[in-house]
Amino acid sequence: MDARVEIRVRDNGPYKITGPVRLVDPDGNEIPVSDPDRPIALCRCGQSRDKPFCDASHRASGFESCVRAERVGLDG
């Protein structure tokens, strides 16, 4: 079993999380996940009616974000 967690930033869409994670609210309560063996999609657009989960509202809202990792050289 691969215990690595990956958070993938999807163009114009949610964060897609794979791997064994727990979602916890600001009060320390665990947020239940329907199927812990499936990836989790977390809302980035702020429009989901099922926050913190994505419900695909970004499609209708016109949300746009294409994040790329910054390449940092070895000298700084």
PDB file of N, CA and C in Angstrom:
ATOM      1  N   MET A   1       0.841  -1.196   0.000  1.00  0.00           N
ATOM      2  CA  MET A   1       0.000   0.000   0.000  1.00  0.00           C
ATOM      3  C   MET A   1       0.879   1.249   0.000  1.00  0.00           C
ATOM      4  N   ASP A   2       0.588   2.161  -0.893  1.00  0.00           N
ATOM      5  CA  ASP A   2       1.343   3.401  -0.998  1.00  0.00           C
ATOM      6  C   ASP A   2       0.726   4.431  -0.062  1.00  0.00           C
ATOM      7  N   ALA A   3       1.472   4.842   0.962  1.00  0.00           N
ATOM      8  CA  ALA A   3       0.949   5.764   1.968  1.00  0.00           C
ATOM      9  C   ALA A   3       1.268   7.220   1.639  1.00  0.00           C
ATOM     10  N   ARG A   4       1.670   7.497   0.414  1.00  0.00           N
ATOM     11  CA  ARG A   4       1.990   8.866   0.032  1.00  0.00           C
ATOM     12  C   ARG A   4       0.721   9.663  -0.242  1.00  0.00           C
ATOM     13  N   VAL A   5       0.773  10.927   0.102  1.00  0.00           N
ATOM     14  CA  VAL A   5      -0.329  11.842  -0.164  1.00  0.00           C
ATOM     15  C   VAL A   5       0.103  12.775  -1.290  1.00  0.00           C
ATOM     16  N   GLU A   6      -0.805  13.009  -2.231  1.00  0.00           N
ATOM     17  CA  GLU A   6      -0.531  13.953  -3.314  1.00  0.00           C
ATOM     18  C   GLU A   6      -1.673  14.951  -3.376  1.00  0.00           C
ATOM     19  N   ILE A   7      -1.329  16.226  -3.452  1.00  0.00           N
ATOM     20  CA  ILE A   7      -2.316  17.283  -3.657  1.00  0.00           C
ATOM     21  C   ILE A   7      -2.026  17.876  -5.026  1.00  0.00           C
ATOM     22  N   ARG A   8      -2.952  17.678  -5.927  1.00  0.00           N
ATOM     23  CA  ARG A   8      -2.771  18.144  -7.305  1.00  0.00           C
ATOM     24  C   ARG A   8      -3.670  19.363  -7.527  1.00  0.00           C
ATOM     25  N   VAL A   9      -3.073  20.449  -8.002  1.00  0.00           N
ATOM     26  CA  VAL A   9      -3.825  21.661  -8.319  1.00  0.00           C
ATOM     27  C   VAL A   9      -4.291  21.524  -9.764  1.00  0.00           C
ATOM     28  N   ARG A  10      -5.596  21.502  -9.957  1.00  0.00           N
ATOM     29  CA  ARG A  10      -6.142  21.313 -11.302  1.00  0.00           C
ATOM     30  C   ARG A  10      -6.452  22.665 -11.934  1.00  0.00           C
ATOM     31  N   ASP A  11      -6.082  22.816 -13.205  1.00  0.00           N
ATOM     32  CA  ASP A  11      -6.373  24.064 -13.904  1.00  0.00           C
ATOM     33  C   ASP A  11      -7.864  24.377 -13.835  1.00  0.00           C
ATOM     34  N   ASN A  12      -8.177  25.589 -13.382  1.00  0.00           N
ATOM     35  CA  ASN A  12      -9.565  26.081 -13.325  1.00  0.00           C
ATOM     36  C   ASN A  12     -10.495  25.168 -12.540  1.00  0.00           C
ATOM     37  N   GLY A  13      -9.953  24.397 -11.613  1.00  0.00           N
ATOM     38  CA  GLY A  13     -10.776  23.454 -10.865  1.00  0.00           C
ATOM     39  C   GLY A  13     -10.284  23.256  -9.443  1.00  0.00           C
ATOM     40  N   PRO A  14     -10.695  22.153  -8.825  1.00  0.00           N
ATOM     41  CA  PRO A  14     -10.420  21.911  -7.415  1.00  0.00           C
ATOM     42  C   PRO A  14      -9.006  21.400  -7.145  1.00  0.00           C
ATOM     43  N   TYR A  15      -8.694  21.302  -5.865  1.00  0.00           N
ATOM     44  CA  TYR A  15      -7.519  20.559  -5.425  1.00  0.00           C
ATOM     45  C   TYR A  15      -7.941  19.096  -5.406  1.00  0.00           C
ATOM     46  N   LYS A  16      -7.174  18.223  -6.020  1.00  0.00           N
ATOM     47  CA  LYS A  16      -7.474  16.790  -6.007  1.00  0.00           C
ATOM     48  C   LYS A  16      -6.463  16.126  -5.082  1.00  0.00           C
ATOM     49  N   ILE A  17      -6.973  15.488  -4.022  1.00  0.00           N
ATOM     50  CA  ILE A  17      -6.113  14.889  -3.009  1.00  0.00           C
ATOM     51  C   ILE A  17      -6.246  13.379  -3.064  1.00  0.00           C
ATOM     52  N   THR A  18      -5.113  12.704  -3.191  1.00  0.00           N
ATOM     53  CA  THR A  18      -5.097  11.247  -3.152  1.00  0.00           C
ATOM     54  C   THR A  18      -4.175  10.815  -2.022  1.00  0.00           C
ATOM     55  N   GLY A  19      -4.513   9.695  -1.424  1.00  0.00           N
ATOM     56  CA  GLY A  19      -3.713   9.166  -0.326  1.00  0.00           C
ATOM     57  C   GLY A  19      -4.461   9.279   0.987  1.00  0.00           C
ATOM     58  N   PRO A  20      -3.883   8.710   2.036  1.00  0.00           N
ATOM     59  CA  PRO A  20      -4.553   8.669   3.343  1.00  0.00           C
ATOM     60  C   PRO A  20      -4.486  10.019   4.062  1.00  0.00           C
ATOM     61  N   VAL A  21      -5.593  10.742   4.057  1.00  0.00           N
ATOM     62  CA  VAL A  21      -5.656  12.038   4.746  1.00  0.00           C
ATOM     63  C   VAL A  21      -6.900  12.104   5.621  1.00  0.00           C
ATOM     64  N   ARG A  22      -6.841  12.986   6.614  1.00  0.00           N
ATOM     65  CA  ARG A  22      -8.011  13.318   7.433  1.00  0.00           C
ATOM     66  C   ARG A  22      -8.307  14.780   7.186  1.00  0.00           C
ATOM     67  N   LEU A  23      -9.579  15.112   7.002  1.00  0.00           N
ATOM     68  CA  LEU A  23      -9.990  16.513   6.898  1.00  0.00           C
ATOM     69  C   LEU A  23     -10.513  16.929   8.264  1.00  0.00           C
ATOM     70  N   VAL A  24     -10.020  18.059   8.754  1.00  0.00           N
ATOM     71  CA  VAL A  24     -10.383  18.518  10.092  1.00  0.00           C
ATOM     72  C   VAL A  24     -10.806  19.977  10.007  1.00  0.00           C
ATOM     73  N   ASP A  25     -11.940  20.312  10.656  1.00  0.00           N
ATOM     74  CA  ASP A  25     -12.422  21.696  10.641  1.00  0.00           C
ATOM     75  C   ASP A  25     -11.641  22.540  11.657  1.00  0.00           C
ATOM     76  N   PRO A  26     -11.875  23.857  11.696  1.00  0.00           N
ATOM     77  CA  PRO A  26     -11.125  24.728  12.603  1.00  0.00           C
ATOM     78  C   PRO A  26     -11.287  24.386  14.085  1.00  0.00           C
ATOM     79  N   ASP A  27     -12.362  23.673  14.441  1.00  0.00           N
ATOM     80  CA  ASP A  27     -12.579  23.294  15.836  1.00  0.00           C
ATOM     81  C   ASP A  27     -11.979  21.937  16.173  1.00  0.00           C
ATOM     82  N   GLY A  28     -11.317  21.304  15.199  1.00  0.00           N
ATOM     83  CA  GLY A  28     -10.689  20.011  15.451  1.00  0.00           C
ATOM     84  C   GLY A  28     -11.574  18.814  15.167  1.00  0.00           C
ATOM     85  N   ASN A  29     -12.774  19.046  14.629  1.00  0.00           N
ATOM     86  CA  ASN A  29     -13.689  17.947  14.310  1.00  0.00           C
ATOM     87  C   ASN A  29     -13.359  17.376  12.938  1.00  0.00           C
ATOM     88  N   GLU A  30     -13.348  16.054  12.850  1.00  0.00           N
ATOM     89  CA  GLU A  30     -13.064  15.421  11.572  1.00  0.00           C
ATOM     90  C   GLU A  30     -14.258  15.554  10.636  1.00  0.00           C
ATOM     91  N   ILE A  31     -13.990  15.922   9.395  1.00  0.00           N
ATOM     92  CA  ILE A  31     -15.022  16.026   8.370  1.00  0.00           C
ATOM     93  C   ILE A  31     -15.086  14.678   7.671  1.00  0.00           C
ATOM     94  N   PRO A  32     -16.241  14.006   7.723  1.00  0.00           N
ATOM     95  CA  PRO A  32     -16.332  12.670   7.126  1.00  0.00           C
ATOM     96  C   PRO A  32     -16.148  12.692   5.612  1.00  0.00           C
ATOM     97  N   VAL A  33     -15.482  11.675   5.125  1.00  0.00           N
ATOM     98  CA  VAL A  33     -15.256  11.485   3.694  1.00  0.00           C
ATOM     99  C   VAL A  33     -16.026  10.241   3.294  1.00  0.00           C
ATOM    100  N   SER A  34     -16.809  10.337   2.215  1.00  0.00           N
ATOM    101  CA  SER A  34     -17.698   9.232   1.837  1.00  0.00           C
ATOM    102  C   SER A  34     -16.958   7.939   1.536  1.00  0.00           C
ATOM    103  N   ASP A  35     -15.839   8.005   0.823  1.00  0.00           N
ATOM    104  CA  ASP A  35     -15.072   6.799   0.497  1.00  0.00           C
ATOM    105  C   ASP A  35     -13.591   7.127   0.633  1.00  0.00           C
ATOM    106  N   PRO A  36     -12.973   6.723   1.744  1.00  0.00           N
ATOM    107  CA  PRO A  36     -11.575   7.090   1.990  1.00  0.00           C
ATOM    108  C   PRO A  36     -10.583   6.522   0.971  1.00  0.00           C
ATOM    109  N   ASP A  37     -11.007   5.577   0.154  1.00  0.00           N
ATOM    110  CA  ASP A  37     -10.121   4.996  -0.860  1.00  0.00           C
ATOM    111  C   ASP A  37     -10.165   5.751  -2.190  1.00  0.00           C
ATOM    112  N   ARG A  38     -11.049   6.733  -2.294  1.00  0.00           N
ATOM    113  CA  ARG A  38     -11.163   7.514  -3.538  1.00  0.00           C
ATOM    114  C   ARG A  38     -10.555   8.895  -3.331  1.00  0.00           C
ATOM    115  N   PRO A  39     -10.101   9.526  -4.407  1.00  0.00           N
ATOM    116  CA  PRO A  39      -9.565  10.889  -4.288  1.00  0.00           C
ATOM    117  C   PRO A  39     -10.623  11.861  -3.764  1.00  0.00           C
ATOM    118  N   ILE A  40     -10.161  12.918  -3.126  1.00  0.00           N
ATOM    119  CA  ILE A  40     -11.027  13.970  -2.597  1.00  0.00           C
ATOM    120  C   ILE A  40     -10.800  15.220  -3.444  1.00  0.00           C
ATOM    121  N   ALA A  41     -11.868  15.901  -3.818  1.00  0.00           N
ATOM    122  CA  ALA A  41     -11.758  17.163  -4.548  1.00  0.00           C
ATOM    123  C   ALA A  41     -12.219  18.287  -3.624  1.00  0.00           C
ATOM    124  N   LEU A  42     -11.321  19.218  -3.331  1.00  0.00           N
ATOM    125  CA  LEU A  42     -11.638  20.348  -2.464  1.00  0.00           C
ATOM    126  C   LEU A  42     -11.813  21.615  -3.292  1.00  0.00           C
ATOM    127  N   CYS A  43     -12.849  22.374  -2.952  1.00  0.00           N
ATOM    128  CA  CYS A  43     -13.213  23.592  -3.677  1.00  0.00           C
ATOM    129  C   CYS A  43     -12.113  24.651  -3.590  1.00  0.00           C
ATOM    130  N   ARG A  44     -11.843  25.294  -4.724  1.00  0.00           N
ATOM    131  CA  ARG A  44     -10.944  26.457  -4.768  1.00  0.00           C
ATOM    132  C   ARG A  44     -11.680  27.715  -5.172  1.00  0.00           C
ATOM    133  N   CYS A  45     -12.841  27.581  -5.806  1.00  0.00           N
ATOM    134  CA  CYS A  45     -13.527  28.756  -6.355  1.00  0.00           C
ATOM    135  C   CYS A  45     -14.380  29.482  -5.322  1.00  0.00           C
ATOM    136  N   GLY A  46     -14.723  28.810  -4.228  1.00  0.00           N
ATOM    137  CA  GLY A  46     -15.548  29.423  -3.197  1.00  0.00           C
ATOM    138  C   GLY A  46     -17.041  29.350  -3.460  1.00  0.00           C
ATOM    139  N   GLN A  47     -17.458  28.729  -4.558  1.00  0.00           N
ATOM    140  CA  GLN A  47     -18.870  28.698  -4.934  1.00  0.00           C
ATOM    141  C   GLN A  47     -19.586  27.392  -4.581  1.00  0.00           C
ATOM    142  N   SER A  48     -18.862  26.374  -4.149  1.00  0.00           N
ATOM    143  CA  SER A  48     -19.468  25.069  -3.874  1.00  0.00           C
ATOM    144  C   SER A  48     -20.533  25.170  -2.785  1.00  0.00           C
ATOM    145  N   ARG A  49     -21.596  24.431  -2.957  1.00  0.00           N
ATOM    146  CA  ARG A  49     -22.638  24.345  -1.924  1.00  0.00           C
ATOM    147  C   ARG A  49     -22.372  23.176  -0.989  1.00  0.00           C
ATOM    148  N   ASP A  50     -21.258  22.492  -1.203  1.00  0.00           N
ATOM    149  CA  ASP A  50     -20.886  21.324  -0.398  1.00  0.00           C
ATOM    150  C   ASP A  50     -19.477  21.509   0.169  1.00  0.00           C
ATOM    151  N   LYS A  51     -19.140  22.755   0.531  1.00  0.00           N
ATOM    152  CA  LYS A  51     -17.802  23.050   1.049  1.00  0.00           C
ATOM    153  C   LYS A  51     -17.484  22.172   2.250  1.00  0.00           C
ATOM    154  N   PRO A  52     -16.270  21.716   2.374  1.00  0.00           N
ATOM    155  CA  PRO A  52     -15.091  22.100   1.612  1.00  0.00           C
ATOM    156  C   PRO A  52     -14.927  21.324   0.303  1.00  0.00           C
ATOM    157  N   PHE A  53     -15.887  20.453  -0.012  1.00  0.00           N
ATOM    158  CA  PHE A  53     -15.775  19.616  -1.202  1.00  0.00           C
ATOM    159  C   PHE A  53     -16.218  20.370  -2.454  1.00  0.00           C
ATOM    160  N   CYS A  54     -15.656  19.982  -3.584  1.00  0.00           N
ATOM    161  CA  CYS A  54     -16.018  20.570  -4.868  1.00  0.00           C
ATOM    162  C   CYS A  54     -17.317  19.943  -5.367  1.00  0.00           C
ATOM    163  N   ASP A  55     -18.225  20.777  -5.868  1.00  0.00           N
ATOM    164  CA  ASP A  55     -19.455  20.268  -6.490  1.00  0.00           C
ATOM    165  C   ASP A  55     -19.530  20.697  -7.960  1.00  0.00           C
ATOM    166  N   ALA A  56     -18.400  21.091  -8.517  1.00  0.00           N
ATOM    167  CA  ALA A  56     -18.264  21.509  -9.920  1.00  0.00           C
ATOM    168  C   ALA A  56     -18.872  22.884 -10.204  1.00  0.00           C
ATOM    169  N   SER A  57     -19.160  23.671  -9.173  1.00  0.00           N
ATOM    170  CA  SER A  57     -19.691  25.024  -9.374  1.00  0.00           C
ATOM    171  C   SER A  57     -18.708  25.921 -10.116  1.00  0.00           C
ATOM    172  N   HIS A  58     -17.423  25.583 -10.084  1.00  0.00           N
ATOM    173  CA  HIS A  58     -16.416  26.400 -10.769  1.00  0.00           C
ATOM    174  C   HIS A  58     -16.697  26.501 -12.263  1.00  0.00           C
ATOM    175  N   ARG A  59     -17.325  25.486 -12.810  1.00  0.00           N
ATOM    176  CA  ARG A  59     -17.611  25.495 -14.255  1.00  0.00           C
ATOM    177  C   ARG A  59     -18.562  26.631 -14.623  1.00  0.00           C
ATOM    178  N   ALA A  60     -19.621  26.805 -13.842  1.00  0.00           N
ATOM    179  CA  ALA A  60     -20.614  27.842 -14.133  1.00  0.00           C
ATOM    180  C   ALA A  60     -20.166  29.225 -13.651  1.00  0.00           C
ATOM    181  N   SER A  61     -19.276  29.258 -12.660  1.00  0.00           N
ATOM    182  CA  SER A  61     -18.880  30.545 -12.084  1.00  0.00           C
ATOM    183  C   SER A  61     -17.819  31.275 -12.902  1.00  0.00           C
ATOM    184  N   GLY A  62     -17.191  30.571 -13.829  1.00  0.00           N
ATOM    185  CA  GLY A  62     -16.140  31.197 -14.620  1.00  0.00           C
ATOM    186  C   GLY A  62     -14.808  31.264 -13.894  1.00  0.00           C
ATOM    187  N   PHE A  63     -14.649  30.476 -12.840  1.00  0.00           N
ATOM    188  CA  PHE A  63     -13.401  30.456 -12.074  1.00  0.00           C
ATOM    189  C   PHE A  63     -12.228  30.092 -12.976  1.00  0.00           C
ATOM    190  N   GLU A  64     -11.160  30.882 -12.871  1.00  0.00           N
ATOM    191  CA  GLU A  64      -9.954  30.608 -13.646  1.00  0.00           C
ATOM    192  C   GLU A  64      -8.729  30.714 -12.755  1.00  0.00           C
ATOM    193  N   SER A  65      -7.917  29.695 -12.767  1.00  0.00           N
ATOM    194  CA  SER A  65      -6.645  29.705 -12.055  1.00  0.00           C
ATOM    195  C   SER A  65      -5.791  28.575 -12.596  1.00  0.00           C
ATOM    196  N   CYS A  66      -4.647  28.914 -13.105  1.00  0.00           N
ATOM    197  CA  CYS A  66      -3.709  27.921 -13.649  1.00  0.00           C
ATOM    198  C   CYS A  66      -2.382  28.095 -12.928  1.00  0.00           C
ATOM    199  N   VAL A  67      -2.258  27.465 -11.782  1.00  0.00           N
ATOM    200  CA  VAL A  67      -1.075  27.597 -10.940  1.00  0.00           C
ATOM    201  C   VAL A  67       0.036  26.684 -11.440  1.00  0.00           C
ATOM    202  N   ARG A  68       1.231  27.208 -11.506  1.00  0.00           N
ATOM    203  CA  ARG A  68       2.405  26.419 -11.871  1.00  0.00           C
ATOM    204  C   ARG A  68       3.461  26.593 -10.792  1.00  0.00           C
ATOM    205  N   ALA A  69       4.185  25.531 -10.518  1.00  0.00           N
ATOM    206  CA  ALA A  69       5.260  25.597  -9.532  1.00  0.00           C
ATOM    207  C   ALA A  69       6.381  26.477 -10.068  1.00  0.00           C
ATOM    208  N   GLU A  70       6.940  27.268  -9.194  1.00  0.00           N
ATOM    209  CA  GLU A  70       8.058  28.117  -9.576  1.00  0.00           C
ATOM    210  C   GLU A  70       9.330  27.281  -9.589  1.00  0.00           C
ATOM    211  N   ARG A  71      10.087  27.428 -10.626  1.00  0.00           N
ATOM    212  CA  ARG A  71      11.362  26.707 -10.706  1.00  0.00           C
ATOM    213  C   ARG A  71      12.422  27.550 -10.002  1.00  0.00           C
ATOM    214  N   VAL A  72      13.084  26.940  -9.042  1.00  0.00           N
ATOM    215  CA  VAL A  72      14.114  27.628  -8.281  1.00  0.00           C
ATOM    216  C   VAL A  72      15.461  26.996  -8.612  1.00  0.00           C
ATOM    217  N   GLY A  73      16.425  27.820  -8.959  1.00  0.00           N
ATOM    218  CA  GLY A  73      17.758  27.326  -9.278  1.00  0.00           C
ATOM    219  C   GLY A  73      18.514  26.913  -8.031  1.00  0.00           C
ATOM    220  N   LEU A  74      19.583  26.181  -8.213  1.00  0.00           N
ATOM    221  CA  LEU A  74      20.392  25.720  -7.094  1.00  0.00           C
ATOM    222  C   LEU A  74      21.120  26.852  -6.388  1.00  0.00           C
ATOM    223  N   ASP A  75      21.291  27.988  -7.051  1.00  0.00           N
ATOM    224  CA  ASP A  75      22.016  29.102  -6.444  1.00  0.00           C
ATOM    225  C   ASP A  75      21.110  30.098  -5.724  1.00  0.00           C
ATOM    226  N   GLY A  76      19.843  29.761  -5.535  1.00  0.00           N
ATOM    227  CA  GLY A  76      19.012  30.677  -4.779  1.00  0.00           C
ATOM    228  C   GLY A  76      17.634  30.646  -5.200  1.00  0.00           C
TER     229      GLY A  76
END
